[in-house]
Protein backbone atom coordinates (compact mmCIF):
# COMPACT_ATOMS: atom_id res chain seq x y z
CA UNK A 1 -33.47 12.03 -71.67
CA UNK A 2 -32.35 13.29 -68.71
CA UNK A 3 -31.87 16.27 -69.92
CA UNK A 4 -35.52 17.01 -70.38
CA UNK A 5 -36.98 14.59 -67.34
CA UNK A 6 -33.38 15.49 -65.35
CA UNK A 7 -32.10 12.81 -63.90
CA UNK A 8 -33.36 11.24 -60.63
CA UNK A 9 -31.87 12.10 -57.40
CA UNK A 10 -30.01 9.79 -55.67
CA UNK A 11 -31.86 8.77 -52.11
CA UNK A 12 -30.40 8.62 -49.59
CA UNK A 13 -29.96 4.83 -48.02
CA UNK A 14 -31.71 5.14 -44.60
CA UNK A 15 -29.75 4.33 -41.33
CA UNK A 16 -30.16 2.38 -37.41
CA UNK A 17 -30.91 5.89 -36.32
CA UNK A 18 -33.64 7.11 -38.79
CA UNK A 19 -34.75 3.18 -38.03
CA UNK A 20 -35.53 4.02 -33.98
CA UNK A 21 -36.59 7.30 -35.03
CA UNK A 22 -39.73 5.38 -36.86
CA UNK A 23 -40.05 3.26 -34.59
CA UNK A 24 -40.50 4.95 -31.78
CA UNK A 25 -43.30 7.37 -33.62
CA UNK A 26 -44.75 4.24 -34.43
CA UNK A 27 -45.08 3.47 -30.60
CA UNK A 28 -45.79 6.08 -29.27
CA UNK A 29 -49.02 6.13 -31.35
CA UNK A 30 -49.96 2.44 -30.61
CA UNK A 31 -49.65 4.25 -26.75
CA UNK A 32 -52.16 7.14 -27.60
CA UNK A 33 -54.53 3.93 -29.38
CA UNK A 34 -53.93 1.61 -25.89
CA UNK A 35 -54.74 4.97 -23.25
CA UNK A 36 -58.08 5.68 -25.11
CA UNK A 37 -59.23 1.69 -25.52
CA UNK A 38 -58.04 1.67 -22.15
CA UNK A 39 -60.02 4.74 -20.89
CA UNK A 40 -63.05 3.29 -22.13
CA UNK A 41 -63.38 -0.08 -21.41
CA UNK A 42 -63.24 1.69 -17.88
CA UNK A 43 -66.49 3.43 -18.72
CA UNK A 44 -68.58 -0.15 -19.83
CA UNK A 45 -66.80 -1.39 -16.71
CA UNK A 46 -68.49 0.89 -14.35
CA UNK A 47 -71.30 0.65 -16.35
CA UNK A 48 -71.40 -3.49 -16.30
CA UNK A 49 -71.73 -2.92 -12.69
CA UNK A 50 -74.25 -1.21 -12.49
CA UNK A 51 -76.61 -3.10 -15.10
CA UNK A 52 -78.44 -5.85 -13.87
CA UNK A 53 -79.01 -9.50 -16.27
CA UNK A 54 -79.98 -9.29 -19.46
CA UNK A 55 -79.65 -8.54 -22.66
CA UNK A 56 -79.20 -4.89 -22.46
CA UNK A 57 -75.87 -5.81 -20.36
CA UNK A 58 -74.50 -8.56 -22.18
CA UNK A 59 -74.26 -5.89 -26.25
CA UNK A 60 -72.01 -3.99 -23.69
CA UNK A 61 -70.26 -7.06 -21.95
CA UNK A 62 -69.51 -7.91 -26.31
CA UNK A 63 -68.94 -4.30 -27.01
CA UNK A 64 -66.32 -4.11 -23.85
CA UNK A 65 -64.95 -7.89 -24.86
CA UNK A 66 -63.97 -6.70 -28.26
CA UNK A 67 -61.93 -3.46 -27.15
CA UNK A 68 -60.23 -5.86 -25.01
CA UNK A 69 -59.61 -7.90 -27.83
CA UNK A 70 -57.87 -5.24 -30.58
CA UNK A 71 -55.93 -4.17 -26.68
CA UNK A 72 -54.88 -7.45 -26.93
CA UNK A 73 -53.61 -6.95 -30.33
CA UNK A 74 -52.19 -3.53 -30.26
CA UNK A 75 -50.37 -4.55 -26.91
CA UNK A 76 -49.06 -7.56 -28.60
CA UNK A 77 -47.88 -4.46 -31.58
CA UNK A 78 -46.54 -2.86 -29.54
CA UNK A 79 -44.01 -5.24 -27.79
CA UNK A 80 -43.28 -6.18 -31.27
CA UNK A 81 -42.16 -2.67 -32.08
CA UNK A 82 -40.29 -2.63 -28.85
CA UNK A 83 -38.48 -5.67 -29.68
CA UNK A 84 -37.11 -4.52 -32.64
CA UNK A 85 -36.40 -0.73 -31.79
CA UNK A 86 -34.09 -3.04 -28.40
CA UNK A 87 -32.32 -5.44 -31.22
CA UNK A 88 -31.47 -2.24 -33.40
CA UNK A 89 -30.09 0.03 -30.72
CA UNK A 90 -27.87 -3.05 -29.47
CA UNK A 91 -26.52 -3.08 -33.38
CA UNK A 92 -25.91 0.39 -32.96
CA UNK A 93 -23.81 -0.28 -29.28
CA UNK A 94 -22.46 -2.65 -31.34
CA UNK A 95 -21.50 -0.46 -34.22
CA UNK A 96 -20.69 2.31 -32.56
CA UNK A 97 -18.37 0.13 -30.16
CA UNK A 98 -16.76 -1.65 -33.20
CA UNK A 99 -16.12 2.50 -34.50
CA UNK A 100 -14.25 3.50 -31.45
CA UNK A 101 -12.19 -0.08 -31.64
CA UNK A 102 -10.95 1.32 -35.27
CA UNK A 103 -9.76 4.75 -34.17
CA UNK A 104 -8.38 3.18 -31.42
CA UNK A 105 -6.09 1.21 -33.56
CA UNK A 106 -5.99 3.86 -35.85
CA UNK A 107 -4.18 5.57 -33.38
CA UNK A 108 -2.00 3.06 -31.96
CA UNK A 109 -0.62 2.93 -35.52
CA UNK A 110 0.34 6.10 -35.37
CA UNK A 111 1.52 6.36 -32.91
CA UNK A 112 4.33 3.08 -33.71
CA UNK A 113 5.10 5.67 -37.22
CA UNK A 114 5.96 7.86 -34.50
CA UNK A 115 7.86 5.95 -32.24
CA UNK A 116 9.36 3.69 -35.15
CA UNK A 117 10.91 7.44 -36.43
CA UNK A 118 11.93 8.63 -32.93
CA UNK A 119 13.74 5.65 -32.10
CA UNK A 120 15.67 5.41 -36.17
CA UNK A 121 17.35 8.92 -34.89
CA UNK A 122 18.75 7.65 -31.54
CA UNK A 123 22.33 5.97 -31.99
CA UNK A 124 22.78 3.22 -28.79
CA UNK A 125 26.16 3.12 -29.47
CA UNK A 126 26.67 7.41 -28.37
CA UNK A 127 25.05 7.26 -25.90
CA UNK A 128 26.97 4.14 -23.90
CA UNK A 129 29.57 6.35 -24.52
CA UNK A 130 28.14 9.63 -22.97
CA UNK A 131 27.65 7.79 -19.98
CA UNK A 132 31.58 6.15 -19.97
CA UNK A 133 32.59 10.01 -20.71
CA UNK A 134 30.25 11.35 -18.78
CA UNK A 135 31.58 8.47 -15.53
CA UNK A 136 35.17 8.98 -16.31
CA UNK A 137 34.38 12.40 -14.99
CA UNK A 138 32.78 11.74 -12.23
CA UNK A 139 35.73 9.27 -11.41
CA UNK A 140 37.95 13.24 -12.78
CA UNK A 141 35.77 14.68 -10.19
CA UNK A 142 36.78 12.46 -6.96
CA UNK A 143 40.42 12.53 -7.20
CA UNK A 144 39.70 16.25 -7.50
CA UNK A 145 38.07 16.23 -4.29
CA UNK A 146 40.62 13.87 -2.27
CA UNK A 147 43.41 15.90 -4.06
CA UNK A 148 41.91 19.54 -3.00
CA UNK A 149 41.01 17.58 0.64
CA UNK A 150 44.53 16.47 1.41
CA UNK A 151 46.10 18.36 4.92
CA UNK A 152 50.04 19.22 4.39
CA UNK A 153 50.80 20.52 8.54
CA UNK A 154 49.82 16.94 10.25
CA UNK A 155 53.45 15.20 10.01
CA UNK A 156 53.48 11.27 8.81
CA UNK A 157 56.08 10.06 12.14
CA UNK A 158 52.83 11.35 14.79
CA UNK A 159 51.57 7.89 16.93
CA UNK A 160 48.50 7.00 17.83
CA UNK A 161 50.20 6.55 21.03
CA UNK A 162 51.62 10.06 21.53
CA UNK A 163 48.46 11.76 20.01
CA UNK A 164 47.14 9.54 23.27
CA UNK A 165 49.02 10.70 26.00
CA UNK A 166 49.10 13.97 24.72
CA UNK A 167 45.27 13.79 25.04
CA UNK A 168 44.83 12.97 28.38
CA UNK A 169 47.88 15.10 30.33
CA UNK A 170 45.36 17.74 27.96
CA UNK A 171 43.07 16.80 29.94
CA UNK A 172 44.85 17.18 33.11
CA UNK A 173 45.93 20.43 32.82
CA UNK A 174 41.51 21.37 32.59
CA UNK A 175 41.33 19.78 35.56
CA UNK A 176 43.83 21.35 37.41
CA UNK A 177 43.29 24.50 36.00
CA UNK A 178 39.75 24.71 36.79
CA UNK A 179 40.32 23.19 40.20
CA UNK A 180 37.92 19.95 39.68
CA UNK A 181 40.50 17.99 41.89
CA UNK A 182 39.47 19.86 44.84
CA UNK A 183 35.46 19.85 43.87
CA UNK A 184 35.64 23.30 43.28
CA UNK A 185 36.22 25.41 40.33
CA UNK A 186 38.64 27.96 40.54
CA UNK A 187 37.13 30.62 40.13
CA UNK A 188 34.77 30.55 43.08
CA UNK A 189 37.38 29.72 45.48
CA UNK A 190 38.91 32.60 47.85
CA UNK A 191 42.61 33.32 49.08
CA UNK A 192 41.89 30.67 51.46
CA UNK A 193 40.52 27.71 50.21
CA UNK A 194 37.19 27.84 51.56
CA UNK A 195 33.86 29.46 50.49
CA UNK A 196 32.23 32.18 51.48
CA UNK A 197 29.42 32.13 53.55
CA UNK A 198 25.60 32.75 52.67
CA UNK A 199 23.54 31.20 55.62
CA UNK A 200 21.62 34.42 57.08
CA UNK A 201 21.79 34.86 60.54
CA UNK A 202 19.29 37.05 63.23
CA UNK A 203 19.80 40.68 63.11
CA UNK A 204 21.78 41.44 67.01
CA UNK A 205 19.96 44.80 68.14
CA UNK A 206 21.64 47.43 69.61
CA UNK A 207 21.40 47.60 73.52
CA UNK A 208 22.20 51.31 73.02
CA UNK A 209 19.34 52.04 70.29
CA UNK A 210 16.65 50.31 72.43
CA UNK A 211 17.67 52.54 75.75
CA UNK A 212 17.23 55.54 74.14
């Protein structure tokens, strides 16, 4: 039978996006109807405002009341569709959040597998051995630096007292050489031991040149 008439094609199940799209179409259609009703009601309201009381006004009023009833029904249907659409949006958000959570969980599982593989290749004993060897090498380097910095030209039998006395004598010799004992540097002192006078004196005019 399937060969004669063909097999039935599997119809895909509707999704939340499809259902929400259908609701949006229906809500848009209701908005168009409400807009039309509001326009008609506005016309009836203007006519009633200009008409005097009587049977004609009552007839127009009845038509306006029927339109109001119809508008309330359409508004109620629109509110229901909007509530359904909101619920679907919430369901879609929840579904998306669950998908994100599952994706995160899968990623964490893969990360844990990789971490286990990497940590499985690490030998803590070897690392500790390397650290011990590095510490020994650093100690050897410090000893080598101390050895290379050793001074051989300073006798061990020189005391601190002798060094202090020599330093004091050296200071006295420097003071004597610079003339600081008298408060005057030696390079400023002349042969007589006095400083040269640099005070300006008034120039005396030559009497002979003035007479001439």
